Amino acid sequence: MKPLLYVILLISILLCACSNREANLAQVRPGLSKPEERDLLGEPDTARVATLPEGYFFGPQEGLLDLLPAGGSYEEWIYQVGEDDLYVWFAGEQNSMENWLVILTARFPRDAVF
């Protein structure tokens, strides 16, 4: 019987975490630090550092074209929220990644094709 209780407890924790994430989405905005954003949404499901390509391209990062120069570095955190992916992008001074701030967020259906 104990394994069943553990499963129920785990499901309850996951449901609570998902509902907190959904409730905190509206508070995620440009200017937040990484610790502030992490306090709101927790650890991202996916994270990566990348460089904005030269020229035009298609993809969720298109919104960064107006905010960063070509070749500029950014960090992308992706959260799974229901059937969507929430993208949170950070950037700042290139030599100080730990101090980067949120510059843009976007939400797309997980099955979107770019």
PDB file of N, CA and C in Angstrom:
ATOM      1  N   MET A   1       0.809  -1.203   0.000  1.00  0.00           N
ATOM      2  CA  MET A   1       0.000   0.000   0.000  1.00  0.00           C
ATOM      3  C   MET A   1       0.855   1.272   0.000  1.00  0.00           C
ATOM      4  N   LYS A   2       2.036   1.204   0.612  1.00  0.00           N
ATOM      5  CA  LYS A   2       2.889   2.379   0.668  1.00  0.00           C
ATOM      6  C   LYS A   2       3.304   2.881  -0.715  1.00  0.00           C
ATOM      7  N   PRO A   3       3.642   2.009  -1.668  1.00  0.00           N
ATOM      8  CA  PRO A   3       4.001   2.532  -2.997  1.00  0.00           C
ATOM      9  C   PRO A   3       2.877   3.364  -3.609  1.00  0.00           C
ATOM     10  N   LEU A   4       1.648   2.975  -3.401  1.00  0.00           N
ATOM     11  CA  LEU A   4       0.518   3.733  -3.933  1.00  0.00           C
ATOM     12  C   LEU A   4       0.465   5.120  -3.299  1.00  0.00           C
ATOM     13  N   LEU A   5       0.717   5.207  -2.017  1.00  0.00           N
ATOM     14  CA  LEU A   5       0.735   6.511  -1.348  1.00  0.00           C
ATOM     15  C   LEU A   5       1.838   7.397  -1.904  1.00  0.00           C
ATOM     16  N   TYR A   6       3.001   6.819  -2.193  1.00  0.00           N
ATOM     17  CA  TYR A   6       4.098   7.583  -2.781  1.00  0.00           C
ATOM     18  C   TYR A   6       3.726   8.107  -4.167  1.00  0.00           C
ATOM     19  N   VAL A   7       3.055   7.300  -4.953  1.00  0.00           N
ATOM     20  CA  VAL A   7       2.626   7.716  -6.287  1.00  0.00           C
ATOM     21  C   VAL A   7       1.623   8.863  -6.176  1.00  0.00           C
ATOM     22  N   ILE A   8       0.674   8.744  -5.268  1.00  0.00           N
ATOM     23  CA  ILE A   8      -0.328   9.798  -5.073  1.00  0.00           C
ATOM     24  C   ILE A   8       0.343  11.086  -4.612  1.00  0.00           C
ATOM     25  N   LEU A   9       1.293  10.981  -3.704  1.00  0.00           N
ATOM     26  CA  LEU A   9       2.015  12.156  -3.226  1.00  0.00           C
ATOM     27  C   LEU A   9       2.796  12.812  -4.359  1.00  0.00           C
ATOM     28  N   LEU A  10       3.477  12.021  -5.172  1.00  0.00           N
ATOM     29  CA  LEU A  10       4.239  12.546  -6.292  1.00  0.00           C
ATOM     30  C   LEU A  10       3.331  13.257  -7.289  1.00  0.00           C
ATOM     31  N   ILE A  11       2.212  12.665  -7.608  1.00  0.00           N
ATOM     32  CA  ILE A  11       1.257  13.290  -8.536  1.00  0.00           C
ATOM     33  C   ILE A  11       0.750  14.609  -7.961  1.00  0.00           C
ATOM     34  N   SER A  12       0.457  14.637  -6.673  1.00  0.00           N
ATOM     35  CA  SER A  12      -0.014  15.869  -6.033  1.00  0.00           C
ATOM     36  C   SER A  12       1.034  16.969  -6.105  1.00  0.00           C
ATOM     37  N   ILE A  13       2.283  16.618  -5.858  1.00  0.00           N
ATOM     38  CA  ILE A  13       3.367  17.602  -5.917  1.00  0.00           C
ATOM     39  C   ILE A  13       3.509  18.148  -7.331  1.00  0.00           C
ATOM     40  N   LEU A  14       3.464  17.262  -8.326  1.00  0.00           N
ATOM     41  CA  LEU A  14       3.599  17.702  -9.719  1.00  0.00           C
ATOM     42  C   LEU A  14       2.446  18.605 -10.132  1.00  0.00           C
ATOM     43  N   LEU A  15       1.234  18.269  -9.729  1.00  0.00           N
ATOM     44  CA  LEU A  15       0.079  19.108 -10.064  1.00  0.00           C
ATOM     45  C   LEU A  15       0.191  20.474  -9.408  1.00  0.00           C
ATOM     46  N   CYS A  16       0.649  20.510  -8.196  1.00  0.00           N
ATOM     47  CA  CYS A  16       0.819  21.774  -7.488  1.00  0.00           C
ATOM     48  C   CYS A  16       1.885  22.618  -8.182  1.00  0.00           C
ATOM     49  N   ALA A  17       2.998  22.012  -8.552  1.00  0.00           N
ATOM     50  CA  ALA A  17       4.072  22.740  -9.225  1.00  0.00           C
ATOM     51  C   ALA A  17       3.591  23.304 -10.550  1.00  0.00           C
ATOM     52  N   CYS A  18       2.817  22.520 -11.310  1.00  0.00           N
ATOM     53  CA  CYS A  18       2.304  22.994 -12.600  1.00  0.00           C
ATOM     54  C   CYS A  18       1.343  24.155 -12.410  1.00  0.00           C
ATOM     55  N   SER A  19       0.462  24.075 -11.416  1.00  0.00           N
ATOM     56  CA  SER A  19      -0.500  25.151 -11.203  1.00  0.00           C
ATOM     57  C   SER A  19       0.209  26.410 -10.715  1.00  0.00           C
ATOM     58  N   ASN A  20       1.263  26.281  -9.882  1.00  0.00           N
ATOM     59  CA  ASN A  20       2.036  27.441  -9.456  1.00  0.00           C
ATOM     60  C   ASN A  20       2.732  28.070 -10.643  1.00  0.00           C
ATOM     61  N   ARG A  21       3.276  27.256 -11.518  1.00  0.00           N
ATOM     62  CA  ARG A  21       3.955  27.762 -12.716  1.00  0.00           C
ATOM     63  C   ARG A  21       2.974  28.556 -13.558  1.00  0.00           C
ATOM     64  N   GLU A  22       1.800  28.014 -13.789  1.00  0.00           N
ATOM     65  CA  GLU A  22       0.783  28.700 -14.598  1.00  0.00           C
ATOM     66  C   GLU A  22       0.389  30.022 -13.936  1.00  0.00           C
ATOM     67  N   ALA A  23       0.209  30.015 -12.622  1.00  0.00           N
ATOM     68  CA  ALA A  23      -0.184  31.229 -11.905  1.00  0.00           C
ATOM     69  C   ALA A  23       0.904  32.294 -11.949  1.00  0.00           C
ATOM     70  N   ASN A  24       2.150  31.911 -12.001  1.00  0.00           N
ATOM     71  CA  ASN A  24       3.260  32.864 -11.969  1.00  0.00           C
ATOM     72  C   ASN A  24       3.685  33.369 -13.342  1.00  0.00           C
ATOM     73  N   LEU A  25       3.104  32.823 -14.405  1.00  0.00           N
ATOM     74  CA  LEU A  25       3.515  33.225 -15.761  1.00  0.00           C
ATOM     75  C   LEU A  25       3.383  34.724 -15.994  1.00  0.00           C
ATOM     76  N   ALA A  26       2.312  35.316 -15.493  1.00  0.00           N
ATOM     77  CA  ALA A  26       2.059  36.739 -15.738  1.00  0.00           C
ATOM     78  C   ALA A  26       3.106  37.632 -15.086  1.00  0.00           C
ATOM     79  N   GLN A  27       3.840  37.107 -14.121  1.00  0.00           N
ATOM     80  CA  GLN A  27       4.844  37.904 -13.415  1.00  0.00           C
ATOM     81  C   GLN A  27       6.209  37.881 -14.108  1.00  0.00           C
ATOM     82  N   VAL A  28       6.386  36.995 -15.076  1.00  0.00           N
ATOM     83  CA  VAL A  28       7.653  36.913 -15.794  1.00  0.00           C
ATOM     84  C   VAL A  28       7.673  38.028 -16.829  1.00  0.00           C
ATOM     85  N   ARG A  29       8.672  38.898 -16.739  1.00  0.00           N
ATOM     86  CA  ARG A  29       8.730  40.068 -17.617  1.00  0.00           C
ATOM     87  C   ARG A  29      10.186  40.477 -17.837  1.00  0.00           C
ATOM     88  N   PRO A  30      10.439  41.241 -18.897  1.00  0.00           N
ATOM     89  CA  PRO A  30      11.792  41.735 -19.115  1.00  0.00           C
ATOM     90  C   PRO A  30      12.304  42.508 -17.901  1.00  0.00           C
ATOM     91  N   GLY A  31      13.592  42.313 -17.642  1.00  0.00           N
ATOM     92  CA  GLY A  31      14.233  42.990 -16.522  1.00  0.00           C
ATOM     93  C   GLY A  31      14.452  42.113 -15.304  1.00  0.00           C
ATOM     94  N   LEU A  32      13.788  40.954 -15.250  1.00  0.00           N
ATOM     95  CA  LEU A  32      13.994  40.047 -14.118  1.00  0.00           C
ATOM     96  C   LEU A  32      15.362  39.391 -14.218  1.00  0.00           C
ATOM     97  N   SER A  33      15.969  39.165 -13.082  1.00  0.00           N
ATOM     98  CA  SER A  33      17.235  38.431 -13.046  1.00  0.00           C
ATOM     99  C   SER A  33      16.945  36.940 -13.128  1.00  0.00           C
ATOM    100  N   LYS A  34      17.982  36.151 -13.369  1.00  0.00           N
ATOM    101  CA  LYS A  34      17.804  34.698 -13.413  1.00  0.00           C
ATOM    102  C   LYS A  34      17.259  34.156 -12.091  1.00  0.00           C
ATOM    103  N   PRO A  35      17.799  34.568 -10.927  1.00  0.00           N
ATOM    104  CA  PRO A  35      17.229  34.058  -9.669  1.00  0.00           C
ATOM    105  C   PRO A  35      15.764  34.466  -9.466  1.00  0.00           C
ATOM    106  N   GLU A  36      15.403  35.694  -9.851  1.00  0.00           N
ATOM    107  CA  GLU A  36      14.014  36.130  -9.715  1.00  0.00           C
ATOM    108  C   GLU A  36      13.100  35.292 -10.603  1.00  0.00           C
ATOM    109  N   GLU A  37      13.534  35.054 -11.830  1.00  0.00           N
ATOM    110  CA  GLU A  37      12.725  34.258 -12.760  1.00  0.00           C
ATOM    111  C   GLU A  37      12.627  32.820 -12.263  1.00  0.00           C
ATOM    112  N   ARG A  38      13.715  32.276 -11.779  1.00  0.00           N
ATOM    113  CA  ARG A  38      13.719  30.894 -11.272  1.00  0.00           C
ATOM    114  C   ARG A  38      12.808  30.762 -10.050  1.00  0.00           C
ATOM    115  N   ASP A  39      12.740  31.799  -9.212  1.00  0.00           N
ATOM    116  CA  ASP A  39      11.840  31.777  -8.051  1.00  0.00           C
ATOM    117  C   ASP A  39      10.382  31.687  -8.496  1.00  0.00           C
ATOM    118  N   LEU A  40      10.061  32.298  -9.627  1.00  0.00           N
ATOM    119  CA  LEU A  40       8.686  32.281 -10.129  1.00  0.00           C
ATOM    120  C   LEU A  40       8.313  30.956 -10.791  1.00  0.00           C
ATOM    121  N   LEU A  41       9.191  30.435 -11.651  1.00  0.00           N
ATOM    122  CA  LEU A  41       8.838  29.269 -12.474  1.00  0.00           C
ATOM    123  C   LEU A  41       9.627  28.009 -12.156  1.00  0.00           C
ATOM    124  N   GLY A  42      10.636  28.108 -11.318  1.00  0.00           N
ATOM    125  CA  GLY A  42      11.447  26.931 -11.018  1.00  0.00           C
ATOM    126  C   GLY A  42      12.496  26.703 -12.092  1.00  0.00           C
ATOM    127  N   GLU A  43      13.098  25.533 -12.033  1.00  0.00           N
ATOM    128  CA  GLU A  43      14.128  25.188 -13.018  1.00  0.00           C
ATOM    129  C   GLU A  43      13.484  24.968 -14.392  1.00  0.00           C
ATOM    130  N   PRO A  44      14.119  25.447 -15.451  1.00  0.00           N
ATOM    131  CA  PRO A  44      13.558  25.224 -16.786  1.00  0.00           C
ATOM    132  C   PRO A  44      13.641  23.753 -17.175  1.00  0.00           C
ATOM    133  N   ASP A  45      12.751  23.352 -18.058  1.00  0.00           N
ATOM    134  CA  ASP A  45      12.780  21.986 -18.588  1.00  0.00           C
ATOM    135  C   ASP A  45      13.944  21.813 -19.566  1.00  0.00           C
ATOM    136  N   THR A  46      14.299  22.905 -20.250  1.00  0.00           N
ATOM    137  CA  THR A  46      15.423  22.906 -21.186  1.00  0.00           C
ATOM    138  C   THR A  46      16.118  24.254 -21.066  1.00  0.00           C
ATOM    139  N   ALA A  47      17.435  24.253 -21.146  1.00  0.00           N
ATOM    140  CA  ALA A  47      18.197  25.510 -21.123  1.00  0.00           C
ATOM    141  C   ALA A  47      19.386  25.376 -22.067  1.00  0.00           C
ATOM    142  N   ARG A  48      19.705  26.490 -22.751  1.00  0.00           N
ATOM    143  CA  ARG A  48      20.868  26.472 -23.628  1.00  0.00           C
ATOM    144  C   ARG A  48      21.351  27.895 -23.865  1.00  0.00           C
ATOM    145  N   VAL A  49      22.619  28.021 -24.158  1.00  0.00           N
ATOM    146  CA  VAL A  49      23.220  29.291 -24.559  1.00  0.00           C
ATOM    147  C   VAL A  49      23.453  29.201 -26.059  1.00  0.00           C
ATOM    148  N   ALA A  50      23.118  30.270 -26.767  1.00  0.00           N
ATOM    149  CA  ALA A  50      23.257  30.256 -28.227  1.00  0.00           C
ATOM    150  C   ALA A  50      23.662  31.641 -28.713  1.00  0.00           C
ATOM    151  N   THR A  51      23.926  31.726 -30.004  1.00  0.00           N
ATOM    152  CA  THR A  51      24.312  32.970 -30.664  1.00  0.00           C
ATOM    153  C   THR A  51      23.297  33.273 -31.750  1.00  0.00           C
ATOM    154  N   LEU A  52      22.870  34.516 -31.817  1.00  0.00           N
ATOM    155  CA  LEU A  52      21.912  34.929 -32.838  1.00  0.00           C
ATOM    156  C   LEU A  52      22.584  34.864 -34.204  1.00  0.00           C
ATOM    157  N   PRO A  53      22.000  34.139 -35.147  1.00  0.00           N
ATOM    158  CA  PRO A  53      22.644  33.992 -36.454  1.00  0.00           C
ATOM    159  C   PRO A  53      22.652  35.299 -37.251  1.00  0.00           C
ATOM    160  N   GLU A  54      23.514  35.334 -38.239  1.00  0.00           N
ATOM    161  CA  GLU A  54      23.553  36.450 -39.186  1.00  0.00           C
ATOM    162  C   GLU A  54      22.338  36.335 -40.106  1.00  0.00           C
ATOM    163  N   GLY A  55      21.749  37.435 -40.470  1.00  0.00           N
ATOM    164  CA  GLY A  55      20.633  37.420 -41.411  1.00  0.00           C
ATOM    165  C   GLY A  55      19.338  36.956 -40.772  1.00  0.00           C
ATOM    166  N   TYR A  56      18.340  36.798 -41.611  1.00  0.00           N
ATOM    167  CA  TYR A  56      17.020  36.408 -41.125  1.00  0.00           C
ATOM    168  C   TYR A  56      16.935  34.901 -40.989  1.00  0.00           C
ATOM    169  N   PHE A  57      16.049  34.456 -40.114  1.00  0.00           N
ATOM    170  CA  PHE A  57      15.830  33.036 -39.889  1.00  0.00           C
ATOM    171  C   PHE A  57      14.422  32.866 -39.344  1.00  0.00           C
ATOM    172  N   PHE A  58      13.944  31.638 -39.302  1.00  0.00           N
ATOM    173  CA  PHE A  58      12.632  31.334 -38.759  1.00  0.00           C
ATOM    174  C   PHE A  58      12.802  30.539 -37.476  1.00  0.00           C
ATOM    175  N   GLY A  59      11.956  30.811 -36.531  1.00  0.00           N
ATOM    176  CA  GLY A  59      11.996  30.082 -35.278  1.00  0.00           C
ATOM    177  C   GLY A  59      11.497  30.946 -34.144  1.00  0.00           C
ATOM    178  N   PRO A  60      11.360  30.356 -32.979  1.00  0.00           N
ATOM    179  CA  PRO A  60      10.847  31.129 -31.849  1.00  0.00           C
ATOM    180  C   PRO A  60      11.745  32.302 -31.473  1.00  0.00           C
ATOM    181  N   GLN A  61      13.006  32.257 -31.845  1.00  0.00           N
ATOM    182  CA  GLN A  61      13.953  33.314 -31.491  1.00  0.00           C
ATOM    183  C   GLN A  61      13.868  34.539 -32.398  1.00  0.00           C
ATOM    184  N   GLU A  62      12.968  34.547 -33.374  1.00  0.00           N
ATOM    185  CA  GLU A  62      12.861  35.675 -34.309  1.00  0.00           C
ATOM    186  C   GLU A  62      12.678  37.010 -33.590  1.00  0.00           C
ATOM    187  N   GLY A  63      11.973  37.009 -32.473  1.00  0.00           N
ATOM    188  CA  GLY A  63      11.744  38.240 -31.720  1.00  0.00           C
ATOM    189  C   GLY A  63      13.013  38.861 -31.179  1.00  0.00           C
ATOM    190  N   LEU A  64      14.073  38.088 -31.109  1.00  0.00           N
ATOM    191  CA  LEU A  64      15.348  38.606 -30.596  1.00  0.00           C
ATOM    192  C   LEU A  64      16.058  39.495 -31.607  1.00  0.00           C
ATOM    193  N   LEU A  65      15.649  39.428 -32.885  1.00  0.00           N
ATOM    194  CA  LEU A  65      16.316  40.203 -33.935  1.00  0.00           C
ATOM    195  C   LEU A  65      16.295  41.701 -33.646  1.00  0.00           C
ATOM    196  N   ASP A  66      15.248  42.189 -33.015  1.00  0.00           N
ATOM    197  CA  ASP A  66      15.150  43.614 -32.699  1.00  0.00           C
ATOM    198  C   ASP A  66      15.866  43.976 -31.404  1.00  0.00           C
ATOM    199  N   LEU A  67      16.306  42.971 -30.651  1.00  0.00           N
ATOM    200  CA  LEU A  67      16.879  43.224 -29.327  1.00  0.00           C
ATOM    201  C   LEU A  67      18.377  42.966 -29.231  1.00  0.00           C
ATOM    202  N   LEU A  68      18.889  42.113 -30.112  1.00  0.00           N
ATOM    203  CA  LEU A  68      20.302  41.733 -30.059  1.00  0.00           C
ATOM    204  C   LEU A  68      20.944  41.892 -31.431  1.00  0.00           C
ATOM    205  N   PRO A  69      22.229  42.197 -31.459  1.00  0.00           N
ATOM    206  CA  PRO A  69      22.914  42.248 -32.745  1.00  0.00           C
ATOM    207  C   PRO A  69      23.190  40.828 -33.247  1.00  0.00           C
ATOM    208  N   ALA A  70      23.332  40.678 -34.555  1.00  0.00           N
ATOM    209  CA  ALA A  70      23.730  39.383 -35.114  1.00  0.00           C
ATOM    210  C   ALA A  70      25.039  38.966 -34.457  1.00  0.00           C
ATOM    211  N   GLY A  71      25.124  37.719 -34.072  1.00  0.00           N
ATOM    212  CA  GLY A  71      26.301  37.225 -33.379  1.00  0.00           C
ATOM    213  C   GLY A  71      26.257  37.415 -31.879  1.00  0.00           C
ATOM    214  N   GLY A  72      25.216  38.097 -31.391  1.00  0.00           N
ATOM    215  CA  GLY A  72      25.066  38.305 -29.954  1.00  0.00           C
ATOM    216  C   GLY A  72      24.649  37.020 -29.255  1.00  0.00           C
ATOM    217  N   SER A  73      25.148  36.819 -28.071  1.00  0.00           N
ATOM    218  CA  SER A  73      24.811  35.613 -27.301  1.00  0.00           C
ATOM    219  C   SER A  73      23.567  35.843 -26.451  1.00  0.00           C
ATOM    220  N   TYR A  74      22.844  34.772 -26.213  1.00  0.00           N
ATOM    221  CA  TYR A  74      21.673  34.799 -25.347  1.00  0.00           C
ATOM    222  C   TYR A  74      21.540  33.436 -24.690  1.00  0.00           C
ATOM    223  N   GLU A  75      20.757  33.401 -23.630  1.00  0.00           N
ATOM    224  CA  GLU A  75      20.430  32.132 -22.980  1.00  0.00           C
ATOM    225  C   GLU A  75      18.934  31.936 -23.087  1.00  0.00           C
ATOM    226  N   GLU A  76      18.550  30.726 -23.398  1.00  0.00           N
ATOM    227  CA  GLU A  76      17.148  30.391 -23.625  1.00  0.00           C
ATOM    228  C   GLU A  76      16.722  29.339 -22.609  1.00  0.00           C
ATOM    229  N   TRP A  77      15.682  29.652 -21.846  1.00  0.00           N
ATOM    230  CA  TRP A  77      15.087  28.682 -20.928  1.00  0.00           C
ATOM    231  C   TRP A  77      13.704  28.354 -21.465  1.00  0.00           C
ATOM    232  N   ILE A  78      13.378  27.072 -21.502  1.00  0.00           N
ATOM    233  CA  ILE A  78      12.070  26.633 -22.005  1.00  0.00           C
ATOM    234  C   ILE A  78      11.362  25.864 -20.901  1.00  0.00           C
ATOM    235  N   TYR A  79      10.105  26.252 -20.678  1.00  0.00           N
ATOM    236  CA  TYR A  79       9.249  25.604 -19.691  1.00  0.00           C
ATOM    237  C   TYR A  79       8.064  24.978 -20.403  1.00  0.00           C
ATOM    238  N   GLN A  80       7.713  23.760 -20.022  1.00  0.00           N
ATOM    239  CA  GLN A  80       6.520  23.121 -20.555  1.00  0.00           C
ATOM    240  C   GLN A  80       5.343  23.545 -19.680  1.00  0.00           C
ATOM    241  N   VAL A  81       4.358  24.180 -20.331  1.00  0.00           N
ATOM    242  CA  VAL A  81       3.175  24.673 -19.628  1.00  0.00           C
ATOM    243  C   VAL A  81       1.962  24.145 -20.369  1.00  0.00           C
ATOM    244  N   GLY A  82       1.309  23.134 -19.810  1.00  0.00           N
ATOM    245  CA  GLY A  82       0.191  22.501 -20.509  1.00  0.00           C
ATOM    246  C   GLY A  82       0.652  21.965 -21.841  1.00  0.00           C
ATOM    247  N   GLU A  83      -0.003  22.373 -22.914  1.00  0.00           N
ATOM    248  CA  GLU A  83       0.345  21.938 -24.273  1.00  0.00           C
ATOM    249  C   GLU A  83       1.304  22.909 -24.955  1.00  0.00           C
ATOM    250  N   ASP A  84       1.773  23.911 -24.212  1.00  0.00           N
ATOM    251  CA  ASP A  84       2.631  24.957 -24.780  1.00  0.00           C
ATOM    252  C   ASP A  84       4.045  24.885 -24.223  1.00  0.00           C
ATOM    253  N   ASP A  85       4.935  25.597 -24.906  1.00  0.00           N
ATOM    254  CA  ASP A  85       6.285  25.840 -24.406  1.00  0.00           C
ATOM    255  C   ASP A  85       6.424  27.335 -24.163  1.00  0.00           C
ATOM    256  N   LEU A  86       6.880  27.690 -22.983  1.00  0.00           N
ATOM    257  CA  LEU A  86       7.164  29.079 -22.661  1.00  0.00           C
ATOM    258  C   LEU A  86       8.662  29.287 -22.801  1.00  0.00           C
ATOM    259  N   TYR A  87       9.032  30.232 -23.650  1.00  0.00           N
ATOM    260  CA  TYR A  87      10.436  30.572 -23.866  1.00  0.00           C
ATOM    261  C   TYR A  87      10.749  31.827 -23.063  1.00  0.00           C
ATOM    262  N   VAL A  88      11.861  31.799 -22.353  1.00  0.00           N
ATOM    263  CA  VAL A  88      12.362  32.965 -21.630  1.00  0.00           C
ATOM    264  C   VAL A  88      13.797  33.166 -22.091  1.00  0.00           C
ATOM    265  N   TRP A  89      14.086  34.371 -22.613  1.00  0.00           N
ATOM    266  CA  TRP A  89      15.423  34.662 -23.127  1.00  0.00           C
ATOM    267  C   TRP A  89      16.110  35.687 -22.245  1.00  0.00           C
ATOM    268  N   PHE A  90      17.376  35.427 -21.962  1.00  0.00           N
ATOM    269  CA  PHE A  90      18.219  36.303 -21.157  1.00  0.00           C
ATOM    270  C   PHE A  90      19.372  36.807 -22.013  1.00  0.00           C
ATOM    271  N   ALA A  91      19.804  38.030 -21.749  1.00  0.00           N
ATOM    272  CA  ALA A  91      21.006  38.567 -22.390  1.00  0.00           C
ATOM    273  C   ALA A  91      21.518  39.723 -21.543  1.00  0.00           C
ATOM    274  N   GLY A  92      22.698  40.170 -21.889  1.00  0.00           N
ATOM    275  CA  GLY A  92      23.328  41.282 -21.181  1.00  0.00           C
ATOM    276  C   GLY A  92      24.759  41.403 -21.638  1.00  0.00           C
ATOM    277  N   GLU A  93      25.586  41.945 -20.780  1.00  0.00           N
ATOM    278  CA  GLU A  93      26.995  42.088 -21.120  1.00  0.00           C
ATOM    279  C   GLU A  93      27.607  40.712 -21.345  1.00  0.00           C
ATOM    280  N   GLN A  94      28.333  40.574 -22.433  1.00  0.00           N
ATOM    281  CA  GLN A  94      28.829  39.265 -22.857  1.00  0.00           C
ATOM    282  C   GLN A  94      29.770  38.608 -21.853  1.00  0.00           C
ATOM    283  N   ASN A  95      30.454  39.397 -21.043  1.00  0.00           N
ATOM    284  CA  ASN A  95      31.414  38.808 -20.103  1.00  0.00           C
ATOM    285  C   ASN A  95      30.801  38.518 -18.732  1.00  0.00           C
ATOM    286  N   SER A  96      29.492  38.635 -18.605  1.00  0.00           N
ATOM    287  CA  SER A  96      28.872  38.495 -17.292  1.00  0.00           C
ATOM    288  C   SER A  96      27.536  37.752 -17.383  1.00  0.00           C
ATOM    289  N   MET A  97      27.560  36.512 -17.857  1.00  0.00           N
ATOM    290  CA  MET A  97      26.327  35.747 -18.064  1.00  0.00           C
ATOM    291  C   MET A  97      25.488  35.596 -16.806  1.00  0.00           C
ATOM    292  N   GLU A  98      26.139  35.510 -15.638  1.00  0.00           N
ATOM    293  CA  GLU A  98      25.367  35.306 -14.409  1.00  0.00           C
ATOM    294  C   GLU A  98      24.503  36.520 -14.076  1.00  0.00           C
ATOM    295  N   ASN A  99      24.805  37.673 -14.657  1.00  0.00           N
ATOM    296  CA  ASN A  99      24.019  38.882 -14.411  1.00  0.00           C
ATOM    297  C   ASN A  99      23.029  39.207 -15.527  1.00  0.00           C
ATOM    298  N   TRP A 100      22.893  38.321 -16.493  1.00  0.00           N
ATOM    299  CA  TRP A 100      21.962  38.577 -17.584  1.00  0.00           C
ATOM    300  C   TRP A 100      20.541  38.679 -17.042  1.00  0.00           C
ATOM    301  N   LEU A 101      19.725  39.468 -17.746  1.00  0.00           N
ATOM    302  CA  LEU A 101      18.338  39.698 -17.368  1.00  0.00           C
ATOM    303  C   LEU A 101      17.407  39.176 -18.460  1.00  0.00           C
ATOM    304  N   VAL A 102      16.151  38.942 -18.094  1.00  0.00           N
ATOM    305  CA  VAL A 102      15.137  38.559 -19.077  1.00  0.00           C
ATOM    306  C   VAL A 102      14.996  39.710 -20.069  1.00  0.00           C
ATOM    307  N   ILE A 103      15.058  39.384 -21.364  1.00  0.00           N
ATOM    308  CA  ILE A 103      14.849  40.402 -22.397  1.00  0.00           C
ATOM    309  C   ILE A 103      13.564  40.171 -23.185  1.00  0.00           C
ATOM    310  N   LEU A 104      13.067  38.923 -23.171  1.00  0.00           N
ATOM    311  CA  LEU A 104      11.874  38.613 -23.952  1.00  0.00           C
ATOM    312  C   LEU A 104      11.301  37.281 -23.494  1.00  0.00           C
ATOM    313  N   THR A 105       9.990  37.159 -23.574  1.00  0.00           N
ATOM    314  CA  THR A 105       9.330  35.874 -23.336  1.00  0.00           C
ATOM    315  C   THR A 105       8.334  35.643 -24.470  1.00  0.00           C
ATOM    316  N   ALA A 106       8.032  34.388 -24.728  1.00  0.00           N
ATOM    317  CA  ALA A 106       7.033  34.045 -25.743  1.00  0.00           C
ATOM    318  C   ALA A 106       6.490  32.659 -25.424  1.00  0.00           C
ATOM    319  N   ARG A 107       5.258  32.438 -25.807  1.00  0.00           N
ATOM    320  CA  ARG A 107       4.600  31.148 -25.573  1.00  0.00           C
ATOM    321  C   ARG A 107       4.087  30.629 -26.909  1.00  0.00           C
ATOM    322  N   PHE A 108       4.446  29.377 -27.207  1.00  0.00           N
ATOM    323  CA  PHE A 108       4.051  28.754 -28.464  1.00  0.00           C
ATOM    324  C   PHE A 108       3.494  27.362 -28.195  1.00  0.00           C
ATOM    325  N   PRO A 109       2.569  26.901 -29.044  1.00  0.00           N
ATOM    326  CA  PRO A 109       2.139  25.499 -28.923  1.00  0.00           C
ATOM    327  C   PRO A 109       3.347  24.577 -29.112  1.00  0.00           C
ATOM    328  N   ARG A 110       3.420  23.545 -28.317  1.00  0.00           N
ATOM    329  CA  ARG A 110       4.569  22.633 -28.367  1.00  0.00           C
ATOM    330  C   ARG A 110       4.733  22.016 -29.747  1.00  0.00           C
ATOM    331  N   ASP A 111       3.654  21.814 -30.467  1.00  0.00           N
ATOM    332  CA  ASP A 111       3.757  21.180 -31.783  1.00  0.00           C
ATOM    333  C   ASP A 111       3.892  22.195 -32.922  1.00  0.00           C
ATOM    334  N   ALA A 112       4.174  23.464 -32.602  1.00  0.00           N
ATOM    335  CA  ALA A 112       4.341  24.487 -33.634  1.00  0.00           C
ATOM    336  C   ALA A 112       5.538  24.140 -34.518  1.00  0.00           C
ATOM    337  N   VAL A 113       5.398  24.425 -35.787  1.00  0.00           N
ATOM    338  CA  VAL A 113       6.469  24.174 -36.749  1.00  0.00           C
ATOM    339  C   VAL A 113       7.011  25.536 -37.175  1.00  0.00           C
ATOM    340  N   PHE A 114       8.288  25.723 -37.030  1.00  0.00           N
ATOM    341  CA  PHE A 114       8.908  27.008 -37.395  1.00  0.00           C
ATOM    342  C   PHE A 114       9.750  26.849 -38.634  1.00  0.00           C
TER     343      PHE A 114
END
